[in-house]
């Protein structure tokens, strides 16, 4: 297998596994298998999937450095775009079924329900990351500035965890799990930055 075909295989692998949850939700919805409250199921599922893909995108660097999985680096943008895709689906579900497309009511709802404000904050931070995910934008911004911008992923993930925690009324097992994973990944980033050699000016 050549390097080109190997990269294509990994991209197809990520693509299929990224779109599969959406297809399963659509199929189960068509078959009426989404439970007694399909809207709530879709809202929760798309929200959790957003967090899952955010966390996977943050895991790319640790996995690459630990196991030598360099192929993951080439798929990080696609993984991030899936996080944005499910984030959009999560937002549209809220706007369609919770607000009935009456967008003028969103501001008041954000004010009354803080967890929505935090979710909106996280989503708005995702927008520039999605917009700058193309090769042309990376070239325009420059690699250093692009990397600095995409560190917002950590803030987005934290906002997502807090949003999830505030929604859950009793069992916080899953929000706590995500909180632990995001904390570990953030800790890894901090330690890695501290270990970087300091450049001295001759």
Protein backbone atom coordinates (compact mmCIF):
# COMPACT_ATOMS: atom_id res chain seq x y z
CA UNK A 1 0.00 0.00 0.00
CA UNK A 2 1.44 3.37 -1.04
CA UNK A 3 1.53 6.43 1.19
CA UNK A 4 -1.19 8.04 -0.95
CA UNK A 5 -3.55 5.06 -0.73
CA UNK A 6 -2.77 4.71 2.98
CA UNK A 7 -3.83 8.34 3.58
CA UNK A 8 -6.95 7.77 1.50
CA UNK A 9 -7.85 4.71 3.58
CA UNK A 10 -7.50 6.63 6.85
CA UNK A 11 -9.58 9.50 5.48
CA UNK A 12 -12.31 7.10 4.38
CA UNK A 13 -12.16 5.42 7.81
CA UNK A 14 -12.67 8.75 9.61
CA UNK A 15 -15.34 9.84 7.11
CA UNK A 16 -17.41 6.66 7.51
CA UNK A 17 -17.17 6.60 11.31
CA UNK A 18 -18.02 10.30 11.46
CA UNK A 19 -21.15 10.12 9.32
CA UNK A 20 -22.37 6.76 10.68
CA UNK A 21 -23.97 8.16 13.89
CA UNK A 22 -25.98 10.67 11.85
CA UNK A 23 -27.16 7.93 9.48
CA UNK A 24 -28.18 5.72 12.40
CA UNK A 25 -30.17 8.58 13.96
CA UNK A 26 -31.94 9.22 10.63
CA UNK A 27 -32.72 5.51 10.14
CA UNK A 28 -33.98 5.10 13.71
CA UNK A 29 -36.06 8.26 13.32
CA UNK A 30 -37.61 6.95 10.10
CA UNK A 31 -38.40 3.64 11.87
CA UNK A 32 -39.80 5.43 14.93
CA UNK A 33 -37.14 3.98 17.20
CA UNK A 34 -35.99 7.15 18.96
CA UNK A 35 -38.00 6.58 22.13
CA UNK A 36 -40.94 8.45 23.60
CA UNK A 37 -39.27 11.85 23.08
CA UNK A 38 -37.46 11.82 19.73
CA UNK A 39 -36.60 15.54 19.89
CA UNK A 40 -34.88 15.19 23.24
CA UNK A 41 -33.00 12.14 21.97
CA UNK A 42 -31.75 13.95 18.88
CA UNK A 43 -30.80 17.02 20.92
CA UNK A 44 -28.84 14.98 23.46
CA UNK A 45 -27.27 12.72 20.83
CA UNK A 46 -26.01 15.55 18.63
CA UNK A 47 -24.70 17.42 21.67
CA UNK A 48 -22.79 14.39 22.93
CA UNK A 49 -21.44 13.67 19.45
CA UNK A 50 -20.16 17.25 19.25
CA UNK A 51 -18.23 16.69 22.47
CA UNK A 52 -16.98 13.28 21.32
CA UNK A 53 -15.45 14.67 18.13
CA UNK A 54 -14.03 17.68 19.97
CA UNK A 55 -12.31 15.34 22.43
CA UNK A 56 -11.03 13.08 19.63
CA UNK A 57 -9.55 16.13 17.86
CA UNK A 58 -7.76 17.07 21.09
CA UNK A 59 -6.44 13.51 21.43
CA UNK A 60 -4.68 13.58 18.06
CA UNK A 61 -1.41 15.09 19.28
CA UNK A 62 -1.04 12.89 22.41
CA UNK A 63 -1.84 9.74 20.39
CA UNK A 64 0.54 10.73 17.61
CA UNK A 65 3.40 11.38 20.02
CA UNK A 66 2.68 8.34 22.21
CA UNK A 67 2.00 5.70 19.57
CA UNK A 68 3.51 7.29 16.45
CA UNK A 69 0.15 7.50 14.69
CA UNK A 70 1.17 10.28 12.32
CA UNK A 71 -1.78 9.54 10.05
CA UNK A 72 -4.11 11.06 12.67
CA UNK A 73 -2.59 14.49 12.12
CA UNK A 74 -3.79 14.50 8.51
CA UNK A 75 -7.34 13.70 9.63
CA UNK A 76 -7.59 16.21 12.49
CA UNK A 77 -9.34 18.85 10.39
CA UNK A 78 -11.96 16.34 9.22
CA UNK A 79 -12.54 15.25 12.83
CA UNK A 80 -12.94 18.90 13.83
CA UNK A 81 -15.41 19.48 11.01
CA UNK A 82 -17.49 16.58 12.27
CA UNK A 83 -17.58 18.27 15.68
CA UNK A 84 -18.88 21.41 13.94
CA UNK A 85 -21.36 19.37 11.87
CA UNK A 86 -22.93 17.82 14.97
CA UNK A 87 -22.79 21.18 16.73
CA UNK A 88 -24.82 22.69 13.87
CA UNK A 89 -27.28 19.79 14.06
CA UNK A 90 -27.58 20.34 17.83
CA UNK A 91 -28.27 24.06 17.34
CA UNK A 92 -30.77 23.50 14.52
CA UNK A 93 -32.67 20.97 16.63
CA UNK A 94 -32.96 23.56 19.40
CA UNK A 95 -34.04 26.31 17.00
CA UNK A 96 -36.57 24.11 15.20
CA UNK A 97 -38.24 22.28 18.05
CA UNK A 98 -37.57 24.38 21.14
CA UNK A 99 -37.95 27.82 19.55
CA UNK A 100 -40.13 26.92 16.56
CA UNK A 101 -37.78 28.99 14.34
CA UNK A 102 -38.85 32.14 16.22
CA UNK A 103 -35.32 33.48 16.35
CA UNK A 104 -36.34 36.63 18.19
CA UNK A 105 -37.08 34.48 21.26
CA UNK A 106 -33.55 33.05 21.43
CA UNK A 107 -32.02 36.08 23.20
CA UNK A 108 -34.59 35.95 25.98
CA UNK A 109 -34.15 32.18 26.32
CA UNK A 110 -30.37 32.56 26.51
CA UNK A 111 -30.84 35.10 29.31
CA UNK A 112 -33.24 32.87 31.26
CA UNK A 113 -31.33 29.61 30.83
CA UNK A 114 -27.56 30.07 31.40
CA UNK A 115 -26.66 26.63 30.04
CA UNK A 116 -27.91 27.76 26.63
CA UNK A 117 -25.70 30.86 26.81
CA UNK A 118 -22.67 28.68 27.50
CA UNK A 119 -23.60 26.35 24.65
CA UNK A 120 -24.03 29.29 22.28
CA UNK A 121 -20.67 30.69 23.38
CA UNK A 122 -18.96 27.40 22.58
CA UNK A 123 -20.70 27.13 19.22
CA UNK A 124 -19.76 30.68 18.19
CA UNK A 125 -16.11 29.86 18.91
CA UNK A 126 -16.41 26.84 16.63
CA UNK A 127 -17.43 28.97 13.65
CA UNK A 128 -14.02 30.58 12.96
CA UNK A 129 -12.34 27.19 13.35
CA UNK A 130 -14.62 25.68 10.73
CA UNK A 131 -14.16 28.67 8.40
CA UNK A 132 -10.35 28.42 8.63
CA UNK A 133 -10.21 24.66 8.10
CA UNK A 134 -9.25 24.85 4.42
CA UNK A 135 -5.71 24.72 3.03
CA UNK A 136 -6.19 28.20 1.56
CA UNK A 137 -7.04 29.69 4.97
CA UNK A 138 -4.10 27.93 6.63
CA UNK A 139 -1.82 29.43 4.00
CA UNK A 140 -3.39 32.86 4.41
CA UNK A 141 -3.14 32.85 8.21
CA UNK A 142 0.20 31.11 8.42
CA UNK A 143 0.81 27.91 10.33
CA UNK A 144 1.68 29.61 13.63
CA UNK A 145 -1.38 31.87 13.75
CA UNK A 146 -3.61 29.03 12.56
CA UNK A 147 -2.40 26.79 15.39
CA UNK A 148 -2.90 29.58 17.92
CA UNK A 149 -6.46 30.13 16.70
CA UNK A 150 -7.29 26.43 16.86
CA UNK A 151 -6.23 26.23 20.49
CA UNK A 152 -9.72 27.62 21.08
CA UNK A 153 -10.76 23.97 20.81
CA UNK A 154 -9.85 23.58 24.49
CA UNK A 155 -12.11 26.46 25.50
CA UNK A 156 -14.90 25.08 23.30
CA UNK A 157 -14.55 21.64 24.89
CA UNK A 158 -14.67 23.14 28.39
CA UNK A 159 -17.78 25.15 27.46
CA UNK A 160 -19.33 21.97 26.04
CA UNK A 161 -18.67 20.03 29.23
CA UNK A 162 -20.14 22.80 31.41
CA UNK A 163 -23.16 23.06 29.07
CA UNK A 164 -23.70 19.30 29.32
CA UNK A 165 -23.28 19.27 33.11
CA UNK A 166 -25.83 22.06 33.57
CA UNK A 167 -28.42 20.26 31.44
CA UNK A 168 -28.17 16.95 33.32
CA UNK A 169 -30.46 16.99 36.35
CA UNK A 170 -29.39 13.86 38.23
CA UNK A 171 -26.86 11.42 36.78
CA UNK A 172 -23.66 13.38 36.04
CA UNK A 173 -21.63 10.30 35.06
CA UNK A 174 -21.16 11.26 31.42
CA UNK A 175 -20.46 14.98 31.97
CA UNK A 176 -17.96 13.99 34.66
CA UNK A 177 -16.30 11.54 32.28
CA UNK A 178 -15.91 14.23 29.64
CA UNK A 179 -14.64 16.68 32.26
CA UNK A 180 -11.93 14.23 33.36
CA UNK A 181 -10.83 13.50 29.79
CA UNK A 182 -10.70 17.19 28.82
CA UNK A 183 -8.79 18.00 32.03
CA UNK A 184 -6.22 15.30 31.27
CA UNK A 185 -5.79 16.54 27.71
CA UNK A 186 -5.43 20.13 28.90
CA UNK A 187 -2.90 18.98 31.50
CA UNK A 188 -0.97 17.15 28.77
CA UNK A 189 -0.85 20.36 26.73
CA UNK A 190 0.40 22.40 29.70
CA UNK A 191 3.13 19.86 30.55
CA UNK A 192 4.19 19.59 26.89
CA UNK A 193 4.52 23.38 26.66
CA UNK A 194 6.58 23.50 29.87
CA UNK A 195 8.95 20.87 28.48
CA UNK A 196 9.63 22.85 25.31
CA UNK A 197 13.20 24.16 25.25
CA UNK A 198 13.46 27.91 25.75
CA UNK A 199 14.97 29.67 22.76
CA UNK A 200 17.90 31.84 23.73
CA UNK A 201 19.00 34.86 21.76
CA UNK A 202 22.71 34.60 20.84
